[in-house]
Amino acid sequence: MRAVSADSIKRVEATDVDELLVLMRAYCDFYEVSQPDGNLLAIARALIADPVNEGVQLIARDSSGRAVGFATVYWTWSTTSGCRIGIMNDLFVAADSRGRRIAERLIEACRAECSTRGARQLAWQTAPDNFRAQKVYERVGGNREQWIDYWLAVSE
C-alpha cells in the first residue's frame, strides 16, 4: 500500500469553492449525471453559510496543495436510531489519487464532524456495483444495510 499523500483535510471555505467544483463535477461524471455548475455551487455555498444546520463539506489536499477529494455530510435525525445522524451523501477521491487511503481519512474526518455536532451515527450509501467503494467501507468497519431507495420529484 502506498503512503497517504493527503497532507490536509479541512472544512471547505469560500476560497476552496473553485477547486471543489472540479471535484464535484468529476463526482457527477462518475455517476453519469449532469448538474449545472450553479446547482453545485449553491450546495457548497449553503453548507459554508450554515454548517450547524445544513452540514459540512470537507476537502482533501495532497502534499502539493492540490485538491484531490471531498466529502459532504448533511445533518438529520433518525427515528429508528433515536438520535441525530450525519448522512455522508458524497465521498469522492480523484482517480489519480485513489489507493492512498484518502477516502478512509475523509470518512474519519466526517465521523469527527458528527461527533462535534452531537450526531451519534454517520450513515451513507453507494451504488450496488461500486465494489471499490464497498471495499473501503468494509475496511473502515462500516455496517452494511439492506434497504431499497426510492425518490420522487417535487415541483419547484
Protein backbone atom coordinates (compact mmCIF):
# COMPACT_ATOMS: atom_id res chain seq x y z
CA MET A 1 0.00 0.00 0.00
CA ARG A 2 1.33 3.42 -0.96
CA ALA A 3 1.75 6.11 1.66
CA VAL A 4 -1.00 8.67 2.17
CA SER A 5 -0.33 11.73 0.04
CA ALA A 6 -3.04 13.95 1.52
CA ASP A 7 -1.41 16.43 3.80
CA SER A 8 -4.65 18.00 4.91
CA ILE A 9 -8.37 17.53 5.24
CA LYS A 10 -10.38 20.55 6.31
CA ARG A 11 -13.80 22.12 6.01
CA VAL A 12 -14.46 23.77 2.69
CA GLU A 13 -14.20 27.56 2.79
CA ALA A 14 -15.12 30.13 0.16
CA THR A 15 -11.52 30.11 -1.15
CA ASP A 16 -11.83 26.37 -1.89
CA VAL A 17 -15.02 26.52 -3.97
CA ASP A 18 -13.41 26.70 -7.43
CA GLU A 19 -11.33 23.58 -6.79
CA LEU A 20 -14.24 21.88 -5.04
CA LEU A 21 -16.42 22.45 -8.11
CA VAL A 22 -13.95 20.50 -10.25
CA LEU A 23 -14.20 17.56 -7.83
CA MET A 24 -17.99 17.80 -7.61
CA ARG A 25 -18.18 17.76 -11.42
CA ALA A 26 -15.94 14.66 -11.54
CA TYR A 27 -18.17 13.01 -8.91
CA CYS A 28 -21.26 13.70 -11.03
CA ASP A 29 -19.43 12.35 -14.10
CA PHE A 30 -18.57 9.18 -12.18
CA TYR A 31 -22.27 8.60 -11.51
CA GLU A 32 -23.17 9.66 -15.06
CA VAL A 33 -25.36 12.59 -14.05
CA SER A 34 -25.20 16.17 -15.19
CA GLN A 35 -25.87 19.11 -12.90
CA PRO A 36 -25.38 22.76 -13.85
CA ASP A 37 -22.48 24.40 -12.06
CA GLY A 38 -24.95 26.79 -10.44
CA ASN A 39 -26.67 23.90 -8.64
CA LEU A 40 -23.37 22.51 -7.36
CA LEU A 41 -22.20 25.95 -6.26
CA ALA A 42 -25.49 26.53 -4.42
CA ILE A 43 -24.86 23.38 -2.36
CA ALA A 44 -21.32 24.42 -1.45
CA ARG A 45 -22.36 27.95 -0.57
CA ALA A 46 -25.30 26.78 1.59
CA LEU A 47 -23.01 24.48 3.57
CA ILE A 48 -20.35 27.17 4.03
CA ALA A 49 -23.00 29.65 5.18
CA ASP A 50 -24.73 27.37 7.71
CA PRO A 51 -22.67 24.36 8.82
CA VAL A 52 -24.62 24.00 12.07
CA ASN A 53 -27.99 23.42 10.43
CA GLU A 54 -27.14 22.29 6.90
CA GLY A 55 -23.95 20.22 7.13
CA VAL A 56 -20.34 20.45 6.04
CA GLN A 57 -18.12 19.70 3.10
CA LEU A 58 -14.56 18.58 3.61
CA ILE A 59 -11.76 18.86 1.10
CA ALA A 60 -8.60 16.74 0.96
CA ARG A 61 -5.37 18.15 -0.43
CA ASP A 62 -2.18 16.32 -1.30
CA SER A 63 1.29 17.39 -0.22
CA SER A 64 1.49 19.87 -3.11
CA GLY A 65 -1.78 21.52 -2.02
CA ARG A 66 -3.82 20.13 -4.94
CA ALA A 67 -7.45 19.30 -4.11
CA VAL A 68 -7.80 15.51 -4.52
CA GLY A 69 -11.04 14.58 -2.76
CA PHE A 70 -14.11 15.77 -0.93
CA ALA A 71 -16.93 14.55 1.28
CA THR A 72 -20.29 16.07 2.18
CA VAL A 73 -22.18 15.43 5.42
CA TYR A 74 -25.77 16.61 5.94
CA TRP A 75 -27.40 16.74 9.38
CA THR A 76 -30.69 14.98 10.08
CA TRP A 77 -32.42 12.79 12.64
CA SER A 78 -33.23 9.09 12.67
CA THR A 79 -36.34 7.94 14.47
CA THR A 80 -35.30 4.28 14.33
CA SER A 81 -31.89 5.12 15.79
CA GLY A 82 -33.32 7.67 18.21
CA CYS A 83 -30.66 10.28 17.55
CA ARG A 84 -29.19 12.96 15.33
CA ILE A 85 -27.15 11.49 12.48
CA GLY A 86 -24.86 12.70 9.75
CA ILE A 87 -25.50 11.49 6.23
CA MET A 88 -22.33 11.29 4.15
CA ASN A 89 -24.05 11.99 0.87
CA ASP A 90 -20.85 12.40 -1.15
CA LEU A 91 -17.40 10.84 -0.95
CA PHE A 92 -15.06 11.24 -3.89
CA VAL A 93 -11.34 10.91 -4.49
CA ALA A 94 -9.79 11.84 -7.85
CA ALA A 95 -8.85 8.78 -9.90
CA ASP A 96 -5.12 9.56 -9.82
CA SER A 97 -5.17 9.77 -6.01
CA ARG A 98 -7.09 6.58 -5.20
CA GLY A 99 -5.43 3.76 -3.31
CA ARG A 100 -3.73 6.11 -0.85
CA ARG A 101 -6.29 5.86 1.97
CA ILE A 102 -7.60 9.36 1.32
CA ALA A 103 -11.17 8.03 1.34
CA GLU A 104 -10.60 6.46 4.74
CA ARG A 105 -9.23 9.74 6.07
CA LEU A 106 -12.21 11.65 4.68
CA ILE A 107 -14.59 9.18 6.34
CA GLU A 108 -12.80 9.60 9.65
CA ALA A 109 -12.98 13.39 9.28
CA CYS A 110 -16.73 13.09 8.61
CA ARG A 111 -17.04 10.95 11.73
CA ALA A 112 -15.21 13.60 13.75
CA GLU A 113 -17.56 16.29 12.39
CA CYS A 114 -20.50 14.13 13.51
CA SER A 115 -19.05 13.82 16.98
CA THR A 116 -18.53 17.58 17.20
CA ARG A 117 -22.13 18.20 16.08
CA GLY A 118 -23.56 15.68 18.55
CA ALA A 119 -24.59 13.17 15.91
CA ARG A 120 -24.28 9.60 17.13
CA GLN A 121 -24.09 7.94 13.72
CA LEU A 122 -22.57 8.55 10.32
CA ALA A 123 -24.58 6.86 7.56
CA TRP A 124 -24.09 6.64 3.79
CA GLN A 125 -24.97 4.62 0.72
CA THR A 126 -23.28 3.64 -2.50
CA ALA A 127 -24.25 2.12 -5.81
CA PRO A 128 -24.63 -1.68 -5.75
CA ASP A 129 -21.92 -2.02 -8.42
CA ASN A 130 -19.40 0.35 -6.77
CA PHE A 131 -17.29 -2.51 -5.46
CA ARG A 132 -14.16 -0.42 -4.89
CA ALA A 133 -16.06 1.89 -2.55
CA GLN A 134 -17.64 -1.08 -0.78
CA LYS A 135 -14.17 -2.43 -0.01
CA VAL A 136 -13.23 0.90 1.57
CA TYR A 137 -16.42 0.95 3.63
CA GLU A 138 -15.83 -2.59 4.86
CA ARG A 139 -12.21 -1.73 5.67
CA VAL A 140 -13.29 1.18 7.92
CA GLY A 141 -15.78 -1.05 9.73
CA GLY A 142 -18.98 0.23 8.13
CA ASN A 143 -22.13 -1.80 8.84
CA ARG A 144 -23.87 -2.89 5.65
CA GLU A 145 -27.62 -2.30 5.48
CA GLN A 146 -30.19 -3.80 3.13
CA TRP A 147 -32.54 -1.03 2.02
CA ILE A 148 -34.15 -0.15 -1.28
CA ASP A 149 -34.08 3.54 -2.15
CA TYR A 150 -36.97 5.46 -3.71
CA TRP A 151 -37.40 9.09 -4.60
CA LEU A 152 -39.99 11.41 -6.12
CA ALA A 153 -39.52 14.68 -7.92
CA VAL A 154 -41.06 17.68 -6.14
CA SER A 155 -42.26 20.50 -8.36
CA GLU A 156 -40.44 23.78 -7.93
